[in-house]
């Protein structure tokens, strides 16, 4: 888990319909309430680093 903000998450994508960025994770109501109220102390459990080089890191060795 990470404490980075949403802007660093690969699940934070641009939605053309909303003309804004939003989370693409399909959360249930309990997960969303926990995040919205700040009860999640270790960061978002759905955080996935948006590192575009993560795929090729194993090739550098």
N, C-alpha and C. Protein backbone atom coordinates (compact mmCIF):
# COMPACT_ATOMS: atom_id res chain seq x y z
N UNK A 1 0.84 -1.18 0.00
CA UNK A 1 0.00 0.00 0.00
C UNK A 1 0.87 1.24 0.00
N UNK A 2 0.33 2.30 -0.44
CA UNK A 2 1.12 3.51 -0.55
C UNK A 2 0.34 4.71 -0.05
N UNK A 3 1.08 5.74 0.32
CA UNK A 3 0.45 6.96 0.78
C UNK A 3 0.55 8.06 -0.28
N UNK A 4 0.95 7.69 -1.51
CA UNK A 4 1.00 8.66 -2.59
C UNK A 4 -0.40 9.12 -2.94
N UNK A 5 -0.48 10.28 -3.57
CA UNK A 5 -1.77 10.80 -3.98
C UNK A 5 -2.27 10.13 -5.24
N UNK A 6 -3.51 10.36 -5.54
CA UNK A 6 -4.16 9.74 -6.69
C UNK A 6 -3.46 10.07 -8.01
N UNK A 7 -2.87 11.24 -8.12
CA UNK A 7 -2.25 11.64 -9.39
C UNK A 7 -1.07 10.74 -9.78
N UNK A 8 -0.54 9.94 -8.87
CA UNK A 8 0.55 9.02 -9.16
C UNK A 8 0.07 7.59 -9.40
N UNK A 9 -1.22 7.37 -9.33
CA UNK A 9 -1.80 6.03 -9.46
C UNK A 9 -2.17 5.75 -10.91
N UNK A 10 -1.91 4.52 -11.36
CA UNK A 10 -2.26 4.17 -12.74
C UNK A 10 -3.78 3.98 -12.91
N UNK A 11 -4.52 3.91 -11.81
CA UNK A 11 -5.98 3.81 -11.87
C UNK A 11 -6.65 5.17 -11.99
N UNK A 12 -5.88 6.25 -11.92
CA UNK A 12 -6.39 7.61 -12.01
C UNK A 12 -6.34 8.02 -13.47
N UNK A 13 -7.46 7.90 -14.17
CA UNK A 13 -7.49 8.09 -15.61
C UNK A 13 -8.43 9.24 -16.00
N UNK A 14 -8.20 9.75 -17.20
CA UNK A 14 -9.02 10.84 -17.72
C UNK A 14 -10.32 10.27 -18.28
N UNK A 15 -11.43 10.84 -17.86
CA UNK A 15 -12.75 10.43 -18.33
C UNK A 15 -13.27 11.52 -19.26
N UNK A 16 -13.40 11.19 -20.54
CA UNK A 16 -13.84 12.19 -21.52
C UNK A 16 -15.27 12.65 -21.27
N UNK A 17 -16.12 11.76 -20.77
CA UNK A 17 -17.51 12.14 -20.50
C UNK A 17 -17.60 13.19 -19.40
N UNK A 18 -16.79 13.02 -18.36
CA UNK A 18 -16.79 13.98 -17.24
C UNK A 18 -15.87 15.16 -17.48
N UNK A 19 -14.97 15.03 -18.46
CA UNK A 19 -13.95 16.04 -18.75
C UNK A 19 -13.09 16.30 -17.51
N UNK A 20 -12.74 15.20 -16.83
CA UNK A 20 -11.95 15.28 -15.61
C UNK A 20 -11.29 13.94 -15.34
N UNK A 21 -10.32 13.95 -14.43
CA UNK A 21 -9.68 12.70 -14.01
C UNK A 21 -10.49 12.07 -12.88
N UNK A 22 -10.54 10.73 -12.88
CA UNK A 22 -11.25 10.03 -11.82
C UNK A 22 -10.64 8.64 -11.65
N UNK A 23 -10.98 8.01 -10.56
CA UNK A 23 -10.48 6.68 -10.25
C UNK A 23 -11.26 5.64 -11.04
N UNK A 24 -10.55 4.73 -11.69
CA UNK A 24 -11.22 3.72 -12.51
C UNK A 24 -11.50 2.42 -11.77
N UNK A 25 -11.16 2.36 -10.48
CA UNK A 25 -11.38 1.15 -9.69
C UNK A 25 -12.87 1.01 -9.36
N UNK A 26 -13.38 -0.19 -9.50
CA UNK A 26 -14.78 -0.46 -9.20
C UNK A 26 -14.89 -0.80 -7.71
N UNK A 27 -15.06 0.24 -6.87
CA UNK A 27 -15.14 0.06 -5.42
C UNK A 27 -16.57 -0.19 -4.99
N UNK A 28 -16.72 -0.92 -3.88
CA UNK A 28 -18.06 -1.04 -3.32
C UNK A 28 -18.29 0.15 -2.38
N UNK A 29 -19.48 0.28 -1.87
CA UNK A 29 -19.84 1.44 -1.05
C UNK A 29 -19.00 1.54 0.22
N UNK A 30 -18.69 0.41 0.83
CA UNK A 30 -17.90 0.43 2.06
C UNK A 30 -16.48 0.94 1.82
N UNK A 31 -15.85 0.48 0.74
CA UNK A 31 -14.50 0.95 0.41
C UNK A 31 -14.50 2.45 0.13
N UNK A 32 -15.48 2.90 -0.63
CA UNK A 32 -15.55 4.31 -0.96
C UNK A 32 -15.77 5.16 0.29
N UNK A 33 -16.64 4.72 1.19
CA UNK A 33 -16.91 5.46 2.42
C UNK A 33 -15.65 5.54 3.29
N UNK A 34 -14.91 4.43 3.37
CA UNK A 34 -13.67 4.41 4.14
C UNK A 34 -12.66 5.43 3.60
N UNK A 35 -12.52 5.49 2.29
CA UNK A 35 -11.58 6.44 1.70
C UNK A 35 -12.06 7.88 1.85
N UNK A 36 -13.36 8.10 1.64
CA UNK A 36 -13.91 9.46 1.72
C UNK A 36 -13.84 10.02 3.14
N UNK A 37 -14.00 9.18 4.14
CA UNK A 37 -13.98 9.65 5.53
C UNK A 37 -12.57 9.68 6.11
N UNK A 38 -11.61 9.16 5.38
CA UNK A 38 -10.23 9.16 5.87
C UNK A 38 -9.94 8.08 6.88
N UNK A 39 -10.77 7.05 6.94
CA UNK A 39 -10.55 5.96 7.89
C UNK A 39 -9.47 4.99 7.41
N UNK A 40 -9.04 5.12 6.17
CA UNK A 40 -7.99 4.27 5.62
C UNK A 40 -6.66 4.88 6.04
N UNK A 41 -5.99 4.28 7.02
CA UNK A 41 -4.78 4.86 7.59
C UNK A 41 -3.52 4.57 6.79
N UNK A 42 -3.51 3.52 6.00
CA UNK A 42 -2.30 3.15 5.26
C UNK A 42 -2.37 3.52 3.80
N UNK A 43 -3.26 4.39 3.43
CA UNK A 43 -3.39 4.78 2.04
C UNK A 43 -4.43 3.95 1.31
N UNK A 44 -4.56 4.22 0.06
CA UNK A 44 -5.56 3.53 -0.76
C UNK A 44 -5.13 2.08 -1.02
N UNK A 45 -5.99 1.11 -0.73
CA UNK A 45 -5.63 -0.29 -0.99
C UNK A 45 -5.59 -0.63 -2.47
N UNK A 46 -6.09 0.25 -3.32
CA UNK A 46 -6.12 0.01 -4.76
C UNK A 46 -5.00 0.74 -5.49
N UNK A 47 -4.11 1.42 -4.75
CA UNK A 47 -3.04 2.19 -5.38
C UNK A 47 -2.12 1.28 -6.19
N UNK A 48 -1.86 1.69 -7.40
CA UNK A 48 -0.94 0.98 -8.28
C UNK A 48 -0.06 2.03 -8.94
N UNK A 49 1.23 2.01 -8.65
CA UNK A 49 2.14 3.04 -9.16
C UNK A 49 2.05 3.13 -10.68
N UNK A 50 1.99 4.32 -11.17
CA UNK A 50 1.91 4.58 -12.60
C UNK A 50 3.28 4.66 -13.24
N UNK A 51 4.15 3.72 -12.93
CA UNK A 51 5.52 3.71 -13.43
C UNK A 51 5.55 3.05 -14.80
N UNK A 52 5.72 3.83 -15.85
CA UNK A 52 5.71 3.26 -17.19
C UNK A 52 6.95 2.41 -17.49
N UNK A 53 8.00 2.52 -16.66
CA UNK A 53 9.20 1.73 -16.87
C UNK A 53 9.19 0.42 -16.07
N UNK A 54 8.17 0.19 -15.30
CA UNK A 54 8.11 -1.01 -14.46
C UNK A 54 8.14 -2.28 -15.31
N UNK A 55 7.58 -2.24 -16.47
CA UNK A 55 7.52 -3.41 -17.34
C UNK A 55 8.90 -3.82 -17.82
N UNK A 56 9.77 -2.85 -18.09
CA UNK A 56 11.08 -3.16 -18.67
C UNK A 56 12.21 -3.18 -17.66
N UNK A 57 11.93 -2.99 -16.38
CA UNK A 57 12.99 -2.98 -15.38
C UNK A 57 13.74 -4.31 -15.33
N UNK A 58 13.05 -5.42 -15.49
CA UNK A 58 13.69 -6.71 -15.43
C UNK A 58 14.66 -6.93 -16.58
N UNK A 59 14.53 -6.20 -17.67
CA UNK A 59 15.42 -6.33 -18.82
C UNK A 59 16.75 -5.60 -18.62
N UNK A 60 16.80 -4.67 -17.67
CA UNK A 60 17.99 -3.86 -17.44
C UNK A 60 19.08 -4.64 -16.72
N UNK A 61 18.75 -5.76 -16.13
CA UNK A 61 19.73 -6.55 -15.37
C UNK A 61 20.60 -7.37 -16.24
